[in-house]
Amino acid sequence: MQVALGAVYAWSVFRIPLTKAHGWTVSQVTLTFELAILMLGFASFAGGLWMKRVGPRTVAVTAGVCYGLGVMLAGHVGDNLVLLYLSYGVLGGIGLGLGYIVPLATLIKWYPDKRGMIAGIAVAGFGAGALITAPLAEHLIAQFGVSRTFTILGLIYLLAVAGAGLLMRDPPEDYRPAGWQPQASQAGQQSGTPHTLKEALHSWQWYGLWSILFLNSVAGISIISQASPMAQELTGASAVAAAGLVGIISIGNGAGRLLWAWFSDFAGRRRVFLMMFVTQAIVFGVLSRVHSFGVLAFLAFLVLLCYGGGFGTMPAFAADFFGAQNVGPIYGLMLTAWGAAGVVGPSLIAWVRQTSGNYTDALELIAGIMLVSVVLPFIISPPKPPAEVSSHASAGGLKDAFKAPTR
């Protein structure tokens, strides 16, 4: 499911063929992708809520139909740009969001002993989607043209996502692997009491996790958005070599989703984010002074390793704090941090670059942001049980419900 859904990251393959076939500008074509990602965020939240009522299978099959049909219809829009936005961007994006949350929320319930690893595997599949789809799409476009390629790929996506969705089901209530008991170190990082979405939103911890995901994403997206021009300006690399940097950091993005998430099962989620923020603070500080393309590529790879690690680790972090039962809507809403970072990160680095005339100041600013961000994973701790929060809220007002828990 996630590999098929992650094919959306191969959108750049379609940009030039679409501009040549229909006379659209690159920015007009790119808006299709931006719409799809925007819809992904909202639909992930809606999908998480819907799963609570109907289970993962219905949501997953619906996701496959919406996503596959949206891509297929994109092959029949002719020269109508609005129809491309509505088909691939809106309908396809809704399918993306509904589908993205299903494997994460379902797998975390089946693997309470390996939440980080299993979430990392799921989102690594999403990250690998472009690596698999891009060469396939390029071959199909050369053979059949861009419109028929959309039709073929849409049918593949529909069958892959809906077919895999038919295998999805929740475990029995109170399920746990035979003989498994949480280790003392794991138990200390978990609330032990499931929260509803409303209860989670009445705790400051939800906003703390949202902020951690947002800040970690800002750093990675800023590199993704400026990788090629930054490499050319700082190291004098050719446009071809700079384009190769995009492939290098894509590998880091996918690998980080699995490696950091797997490591978090042993080291703890807080410690992993602490390490990622410190790493990025150092890397961005060094990046501002780099003049070697090889060194820049290595450092950018490290940043994207941490960027992917955020998406791999945060689903398990949310399940630790608020329980696995409602992680679909709780983490689904948290994914709005991704969309917010997608606006702030590229805009921030581009604005500072334009204002200062160089990337040095922009990279140093992000290094400072990462250094300050270390505070969040350092201070965050599991929320109080919902009953305690409710009693505090009724006795002392809503303000008390958002206070940090006493340990």
Protein backbone atom coordinates (compact mmCIF):
# COMPACT_ATOMS: atom_id res chain seq x y z
CA MET A 1 0.00 0.00 0.00
CA GLN A 2 2.61 2.53 1.04
CA VAL A 3 4.84 1.98 -2.00
CA ALA A 4 1.86 2.60 -4.30
CA LEU A 5 0.80 5.67 -2.31
CA GLY A 6 4.36 7.01 -2.14
CA ALA A 7 4.45 7.06 -5.94
CA VAL A 8 3.09 10.60 -5.60
CA TYR A 9 6.68 11.71 -4.89
CA ALA A 10 7.52 10.78 -8.50
CA TRP A 11 5.39 13.70 -9.73
CA SER A 12 8.43 15.53 -11.13
CA VAL A 13 8.61 12.87 -13.86
CA PHE A 14 5.32 14.20 -15.27
CA ARG A 15 6.13 17.92 -15.16
CA ILE A 16 7.95 18.32 -18.48
CA PRO A 17 5.76 15.87 -20.47
CA LEU A 18 2.64 17.71 -19.26
CA THR A 19 4.03 21.14 -20.13
CA LYS A 20 4.97 19.95 -23.61
CA ALA A 21 1.70 18.12 -24.23
CA HIS A 22 -0.66 20.86 -23.04
CA GLY A 23 1.34 24.09 -22.96
CA TRP A 24 0.98 24.53 -19.20
CA THR A 25 3.71 26.22 -17.15
CA VAL A 26 5.84 24.33 -14.64
CA SER A 27 4.23 26.23 -11.75
CA GLN A 28 0.74 25.32 -13.00
CA VAL A 29 1.68 21.65 -13.20
CA THR A 30 3.42 21.73 -9.81
CA LEU A 31 0.26 23.03 -8.16
CA THR A 32 -1.31 19.62 -8.86
CA PHE A 33 1.24 17.96 -6.58
CA GLU A 34 0.83 20.64 -3.90
CA LEU A 35 -2.94 20.10 -3.92
CA ALA A 36 -2.47 16.35 -3.52
CA ILE A 37 -0.20 16.81 -0.48
CA LEU A 38 -2.58 19.37 1.03
CA MET A 39 -5.50 16.97 0.67
CA LEU A 40 -3.37 14.18 2.12
CA GLY A 41 -3.11 16.01 5.44
CA PHE A 42 -6.85 16.62 5.81
CA ALA A 43 -7.83 13.18 4.54
CA SER A 44 -5.44 11.41 6.93
CA PHE A 45 -7.30 12.97 9.85
CA ALA A 46 -10.69 12.09 8.35
CA GLY A 47 -9.49 8.56 7.63
CA GLY A 48 -8.33 8.09 11.19
CA LEU A 49 -11.74 9.13 12.51
CA TRP A 50 -13.56 6.94 10.00
CA MET A 51 -11.46 3.90 10.93
CA LYS A 52 -12.83 4.09 14.45
CA ARG A 53 -16.33 3.49 13.07
CA VAL A 54 -15.84 1.05 10.18
CA GLY A 55 -12.38 -0.48 10.67
CA PRO A 56 -9.29 -0.26 8.44
CA ARG A 57 -10.50 -2.42 5.55
CA THR A 58 -13.30 -0.14 4.34
CA VAL A 59 -11.11 2.96 4.60
CA ALA A 60 -8.24 1.27 2.73
CA VAL A 61 -10.43 0.05 -0.13
CA THR A 62 -12.03 3.49 -0.44
CA ALA A 63 -8.53 4.99 -0.50
CA GLY A 64 -7.53 2.70 -3.35
CA VAL A 65 -10.61 3.60 -5.38
CA CYS A 66 -10.17 7.36 -4.84
CA TYR A 67 -6.43 7.38 -5.48
CA GLY A 68 -6.51 5.02 -8.46
CA LEU A 69 -9.53 6.68 -10.05
CA GLY A 70 -8.05 10.14 -9.52
CA VAL A 71 -4.84 9.19 -11.34
CA MET A 72 -6.76 7.40 -14.11
CA LEU A 73 -9.01 10.41 -14.68
CA ALA A 74 -5.91 12.63 -14.93
CA GLY A 75 -5.20 10.84 -18.18
CA HIS A 76 -8.51 12.02 -19.68
CA VAL A 77 -8.57 15.74 -18.82
CA GLY A 78 -7.40 16.95 -22.21
CA ASP A 79 -6.24 20.57 -22.00
CA ASN A 80 -8.44 21.36 -19.00
CA LEU A 81 -6.07 22.23 -16.16
CA VAL A 82 -8.87 22.54 -13.59
CA LEU A 83 -9.89 18.93 -14.24
CA LEU A 84 -6.27 17.86 -13.62
CA TYR A 85 -6.39 19.64 -10.26
CA LEU A 86 -9.71 18.02 -9.35
CA SER A 87 -8.75 14.51 -10.48
CA TYR A 88 -5.13 13.99 -9.45
CA GLY A 89 -4.90 16.80 -6.90
CA VAL A 90 -8.20 16.59 -5.02
CA LEU A 91 -9.62 13.08 -5.60
CA GLY A 92 -6.18 11.45 -5.74
CA GLY A 93 -5.04 13.42 -2.70
CA ILE A 94 -8.06 12.27 -0.70
CA GLY A 95 -7.16 8.69 -1.55
CA LEU A 96 -3.57 9.33 -0.49
CA GLY A 97 -4.57 10.61 2.93
CA LEU A 98 -7.18 7.92 3.59
CA GLY A 99 -4.65 5.25 2.64
CA TYR A 100 -1.58 6.69 4.38
CA ILE A 101 -3.02 6.46 7.88
CA VAL A 102 -4.41 2.90 7.60
CA PRO A 103 -1.18 0.82 7.71
CA LEU A 104 0.31 3.04 10.43
CA ALA A 105 -2.69 2.90 12.75
CA THR A 106 -3.28 -0.82 12.14
CA LEU A 107 0.29 -2.07 12.41
CA ILE A 108 0.98 -0.21 15.64
CA LYS A 109 -1.90 -2.13 17.26
CA TRP A 110 -0.51 -5.48 16.10
CA TYR A 111 3.08 -4.75 17.21
CA PRO A 112 3.01 -3.00 20.60
CA ASP A 113 6.46 -4.46 21.28
CA LYS A 114 7.98 -3.01 18.08
CA ARG A 115 6.02 0.18 17.46
CA GLY A 116 8.97 2.14 16.15
CA MET A 117 10.25 -0.56 13.83
CA ILE A 118 6.85 -1.38 12.32
CA ALA A 119 5.91 2.28 11.78
CA GLY A 120 9.34 2.82 10.22
CA ILE A 121 8.79 -0.04 7.79
CA ALA A 122 5.41 1.39 6.76
CA VAL A 123 6.61 4.93 6.11
CA ALA A 124 9.83 3.66 4.50
CA GLY A 125 7.56 2.04 1.93
CA PHE A 126 6.00 5.44 1.25
CA GLY A 127 9.46 6.96 0.86
CA ALA A 128 10.49 4.21 -1.56
CA GLY A 129 7.49 4.79 -3.80
CA ALA A 130 9.19 7.39 -5.97
CA LEU A 131 12.36 5.32 -6.41
CA ILE A 132 10.28 2.47 -7.85
CA THR A 133 7.68 4.49 -9.74
CA ALA A 134 9.89 7.15 -11.38
CA PRO A 135 11.78 4.80 -13.77
CA LEU A 136 8.58 2.87 -14.51
CA ALA A 137 6.69 6.08 -15.31
CA GLU A 138 9.52 7.35 -17.53
CA HIS A 139 9.46 4.09 -19.51
CA LEU A 140 5.67 4.17 -19.89
CA ILE A 141 5.67 7.84 -20.98
CA ALA A 142 8.25 7.06 -23.66
CA GLN A 143 6.17 4.11 -24.90
CA PHE A 144 2.57 5.34 -24.55
CA GLY A 145 2.59 9.07 -23.79
CA VAL A 146 1.74 10.86 -20.54
CA SER A 147 -2.06 10.48 -20.72
CA ARG A 148 -2.08 6.71 -21.17
CA THR A 149 0.62 6.44 -18.50
CA PHE A 150 -1.74 8.03 -15.98
CA THR A 151 -4.43 5.50 -16.94
CA ILE A 152 -2.08 2.52 -16.58
CA LEU A 153 -0.57 3.67 -13.30
CA GLY A 154 -3.98 4.60 -11.86
CA LEU A 155 -5.23 1.07 -12.48
CA ILE A 156 -2.09 -0.36 -10.84
CA TYR A 157 -2.53 1.89 -7.81
CA LEU A 158 -6.20 1.00 -7.45
CA LEU A 159 -5.49 -2.75 -7.47
CA ALA A 160 -2.42 -2.45 -5.20
CA VAL A 161 -3.97 -0.24 -2.52
CA ALA A 162 -7.47 -1.76 -2.51
CA GLY A 163 -6.07 -5.29 -2.76
CA ALA A 164 -3.71 -4.77 0.15
CA GLY A 165 -6.51 -3.02 2.01
CA LEU A 166 -8.61 -6.18 1.94
CA LEU A 167 -5.98 -7.78 4.20
CA MET A 168 -6.25 -5.09 6.86
CA ARG A 169 -8.01 -5.78 10.15
CA ASP A 170 -7.63 -4.69 13.74
CA PRO A 171 -6.38 -7.13 16.39
CA PRO A 172 -8.75 -8.35 19.12
CA GLU A 173 -9.34 -5.89 21.94
CA ASP A 174 -6.57 -5.92 24.57
CA TYR A 175 -4.34 -7.92 22.20
CA ARG A 176 -0.68 -8.30 23.04
CA PRO A 177 1.97 -10.74 21.73
CA ALA A 178 2.23 -13.97 23.72
CA GLY A 179 4.49 -13.56 26.74
CA TRP A 180 5.29 -9.91 26.05
CA GLN A 181 5.50 -7.40 28.86
CA PRO A 182 6.73 -3.82 28.38
CA GLN A 183 10.23 -3.27 29.71
CA ALA A 184 10.61 -0.83 32.57
CA SER A 185 12.31 1.67 30.25
CA GLN A 186 9.44 1.41 27.75
CA ALA A 187 6.73 1.63 30.40
CA GLY A 188 8.22 4.86 31.73
CA GLN A 189 7.76 6.49 28.32
CA GLN A 190 4.12 5.49 27.91
CA SER A 191 0.95 6.86 29.45
CA GLY A 192 -0.53 3.40 30.01
CA THR A 193 -4.05 4.78 29.51
CA PRO A 194 -5.71 5.21 26.10
CA HIS A 195 -6.87 8.71 25.19
CA THR A 196 -9.60 9.78 22.81
CA LEU A 197 -8.83 12.51 20.28
CA LYS A 198 -10.62 15.05 22.46
CA GLU A 199 -8.65 13.98 25.54
CA ALA A 200 -5.37 14.12 23.60
CA LEU A 201 -6.17 17.66 22.41
CA HIS A 202 -6.75 18.69 26.04
CA SER A 203 -3.17 17.76 26.90
CA TRP A 204 -0.18 19.98 26.17
CA GLN A 205 1.74 16.88 25.09
CA TRP A 206 -0.21 16.61 21.81
CA TYR A 207 0.86 20.14 20.89
CA GLY A 208 4.39 19.30 22.01
CA LEU A 209 4.55 16.32 19.65
CA TRP A 210 3.01 18.42 16.86
CA SER A 211 5.73 21.02 17.37
CA ILE A 212 8.49 18.40 17.38
CA LEU A 213 7.25 16.95 14.07
CA PHE A 214 6.83 20.44 12.61
CA LEU A 215 10.33 21.63 13.55
CA ASN A 216 12.00 18.44 12.37
CA SER A 217 10.12 18.65 9.07
CA VAL A 218 11.03 22.32 8.53
CA ALA A 219 14.73 21.43 8.50
CA GLY A 220 14.39 18.59 6.00
CA ILE A 221 11.96 20.33 3.67
CA SER A 222 14.19 23.41 3.52
CA ILE A 223 16.97 21.20 2.12
CA ILE A 224 14.63 19.33 -0.24
CA SER A 225 13.32 22.60 -1.69
CA GLN A 226 16.78 24.15 -2.27
CA ALA A 227 19.09 21.17 -2.81
CA SER A 228 20.08 21.82 -6.42
CA PRO A 229 20.60 25.63 -6.39
CA MET A 230 22.25 25.46 -2.96
CA ALA A 231 24.78 22.87 -4.18
CA GLN A 232 25.60 25.00 -7.22
CA GLU A 233 26.07 28.20 -5.20
CA LEU A 234 28.03 26.78 -2.26
CA THR A 235 30.25 24.29 -4.11
CA GLY A 236 30.19 25.45 -7.73
CA ALA A 237 28.76 22.08 -8.80
CA SER A 238 27.29 21.70 -12.27
CA ALA A 239 23.54 21.49 -12.74
CA VAL A 240 23.85 17.77 -13.56
CA ALA A 241 25.84 17.03 -10.40
CA ALA A 242 23.44 19.12 -8.32
CA ALA A 243 20.51 17.15 -9.72
CA GLY A 244 22.24 13.98 -8.53
CA LEU A 245 22.10 15.36 -5.00
CA VAL A 246 18.31 15.01 -5.12
CA GLY A 247 18.64 11.25 -5.59
CA ILE A 248 21.17 10.99 -2.76
CA ILE A 249 18.96 12.76 -0.24
CA SER A 250 15.95 10.68 -1.33
CA ILE A 251 17.81 7.58 -0.20
CA GLY A 252 18.53 9.27 3.14
CA ASN A 253 14.85 10.12 3.53
CA GLY A 254 13.78 6.51 3.01
CA ALA A 255 16.55 4.97 5.13
CA GLY A 256 15.97 7.37 8.03
CA ARG A 257 12.30 6.39 8.28
CA LEU A 258 13.29 2.83 9.13
CA LEU A 259 16.62 3.22 10.96
CA TRP A 260 15.68 5.94 13.47
CA ALA A 261 12.27 4.34 14.12
CA TRP A 262 13.86 0.94 14.75
CA PHE A 263 16.46 2.53 17.04
CA SER A 264 13.73 4.31 19.01
CA ASP A 265 12.39 0.95 20.25
CA PHE A 266 15.62 0.57 22.22
CA ALA A 267 16.76 4.14 22.90
CA GLY A 268 13.33 5.72 23.39
CA ARG A 269 11.47 8.23 21.22
CA ARG A 270 12.49 11.30 23.25
CA ARG A 271 16.16 10.41 23.06
CA VAL A 272 15.93 9.79 19.30
CA PHE A 273 14.42 13.22 18.62
CA LEU A 274 16.95 14.79 20.97
CA MET A 275 19.75 13.16 18.96
CA MET A 276 18.21 14.21 15.63
CA PHE A 277 17.86 17.85 16.67
CA VAL A 278 21.43 18.01 18.00
CA THR A 279 22.72 16.32 14.84
CA GLN A 280 20.90 18.79 12.61
CA ALA A 281 22.04 21.80 14.63
CA ILE A 282 25.65 20.72 14.06
CA VAL A 283 25.12 19.77 10.41
CA PHE A 284 23.41 23.04 9.44
CA GLY A 285 26.15 24.99 11.21
CA VAL A 286 28.81 23.15 9.20
CA LEU A 287 26.81 23.32 5.95
CA SER A 288 27.04 27.10 5.92
CA ARG A 289 30.84 26.82 5.56
CA VAL A 290 31.11 23.91 3.09
CA HIS A 291 32.68 24.31 -0.36
CA SER A 292 33.10 20.63 -1.30
CA PHE A 293 30.26 18.93 -3.15
CA GLY A 294 31.06 15.55 -1.57
CA VAL A 295 30.92 16.98 1.95
CA LEU A 296 27.72 18.87 1.19
CA ALA A 297 26.09 15.73 -0.20
CA PHE A 298 27.03 13.78 2.93
CA LEU A 299 25.70 16.47 5.27
CA ALA A 300 22.47 16.86 3.29
CA PHE A 301 22.07 13.08 3.45
CA LEU A 302 22.30 13.29 7.26
CA VAL A 303 19.61 15.98 7.38
CA LEU A 304 17.24 13.89 5.27
CA LEU A 305 18.06 10.86 7.40
CA CYS A 306 16.68 12.84 10.34
CA TYR A 307 13.76 14.18 8.28
CA GLY A 308 12.67 10.65 7.42
CA GLY A 309 13.34 9.57 10.99
CA GLY A 310 10.72 12.04 12.23
CA PHE A 311 7.99 10.41 10.15
CA GLY A 312 9.14 6.95 11.15
CA THR A 313 9.31 7.66 14.89
CA MET A 314 6.39 10.01 15.54
CA PRO A 315 3.53 7.48 14.98
CA ALA A 316 5.02 5.27 17.70
CA PHE A 317 5.63 8.34 19.90
CA ALA A 318 1.95 9.29 19.60
CA ALA A 319 0.88 5.71 20.39
CA ASP A 320 3.17 5.67 23.45
CA PHE A 321 1.60 8.84 24.82
CA PHE A 322 -2.05 8.39 23.88
CA GLY A 323 -2.49 4.65 23.32
CA ALA A 324 -2.75 2.67 20.09
CA GLN A 325 -6.56 2.46 20.07
CA ASN A 326 -7.10 6.01 18.77
CA VAL A 327 -3.76 6.65 17.10
CA GLY A 328 -5.47 6.97 13.70
CA PRO A 329 -7.27 10.27 14.33
CA ILE A 330 -4.71 11.51 16.88
CA TYR A 331 -1.71 11.08 14.56
CA GLY A 332 -3.79 11.87 11.49
CA LEU A 333 -4.48 15.35 12.83
CA MET A 334 -0.84 15.66 13.88
CA LEU A 335 0.16 15.31 10.22
CA THR A 336 -1.01 18.90 9.69
CA ALA A 337 2.47 19.70 11.01
CA TRP A 338 3.81 18.24 7.75
CA GLY A 339 1.69 20.59 5.66
CA ALA A 340 2.64 23.60 7.80
CA ALA A 341 6.33 22.75 7.52
CA GLY A 342 5.92 22.42 3.76
CA VAL A 343 4.97 26.10 3.66
CA VAL A 344 7.33 27.48 6.33
CA GLY A 345 10.54 25.58 5.51
CA PRO A 346 10.92 26.46 1.80
CA SER A 347 9.62 30.02 2.35
CA LEU A 348 12.01 30.65 5.25
CA ILE A 349 15.19 29.52 3.52
CA ALA A 350 14.21 31.25 0.25
CA TRP A 351 13.39 34.53 2.03
CA VAL A 352 16.62 34.63 4.04
CA ARG A 353 18.60 33.66 0.93
CA GLN A 354 17.01 36.51 -1.04
CA THR A 355 17.40 39.03 1.78
CA SER A 356 21.03 38.23 2.63
CA GLY A 357 22.17 37.29 -0.87
CA ASN A 358 23.65 33.96 0.27
CA TYR A 359 22.72 30.63 1.81
CA THR A 360 25.09 31.02 4.77
CA ASP A 361 22.74 33.12 6.88
CA ALA A 362 19.78 30.89 6.06
CA LEU A 363 21.62 27.72 7.09
CA GLU A 364 22.90 29.32 10.29
CA LEU A 365 19.35 30.40 11.17
CA ILE A 366 18.06 26.84 10.78
CA ALA A 367 20.99 25.60 12.86
CA GLY A 368 19.85 27.95 15.64
CA ILE A 369 16.25 26.76 15.33
CA MET A 370 17.37 23.14 15.64
CA LEU A 371 19.45 23.99 18.71
CA VAL A 372 16.47 25.63 20.43
CA SER A 373 14.26 22.69 19.38
CA VAL A 374 16.32 20.39 21.61
CA VAL A 375 14.31 21.73 24.55
CA LEU A 376 11.06 20.03 23.44
CA PRO A 377 12.10 16.35 23.52
CA PHE A 378 14.06 17.12 26.68
CA ILE A 379 11.02 18.34 28.65
CA ILE A 380 8.14 16.34 27.16
CA SER A 381 6.76 13.43 29.20
CA PRO A 382 3.71 11.13 29.03
CA PRO A 383 0.35 12.80 29.75
CA LYS A 384 -1.73 12.14 32.81
CA PRO A 385 -4.54 9.58 32.57
CA PRO A 386 -7.65 11.20 31.02
CA ALA A 387 -9.65 10.88 34.27
CA GLU A 388 -7.02 12.91 36.12
CA VAL A 389 -6.96 15.55 33.40
CA SER A 390 -10.76 15.81 33.49
CA SER A 391 -10.89 16.23 37.26
CA HIS A 392 -8.17 18.88 37.16
CA ALA A 393 -9.97 20.69 34.36
CA SER A 394 -13.28 20.72 36.24
CA ALA A 395 -11.70 21.76 39.53
CA GLY A 396 -9.16 24.27 38.30
CA GLY A 397 -10.36 25.21 34.86
CA LEU A 398 -9.08 24.32 31.42
CA LYS A 399 -5.80 26.10 32.10
CA ASP A 400 -4.81 23.43 34.65
CA ALA A 401 -5.55 20.64 32.17
CA PHE A 402 -2.71 21.89 29.98
CA LYS A 403 -0.11 22.01 32.74
CA ALA A 404 2.81 19.61 32.53
CA PRO A 405 2.22 16.43 34.58
CA THR A 406 3.86 16.10 37.98
CA ARG A 407 6.24 13.17 37.98
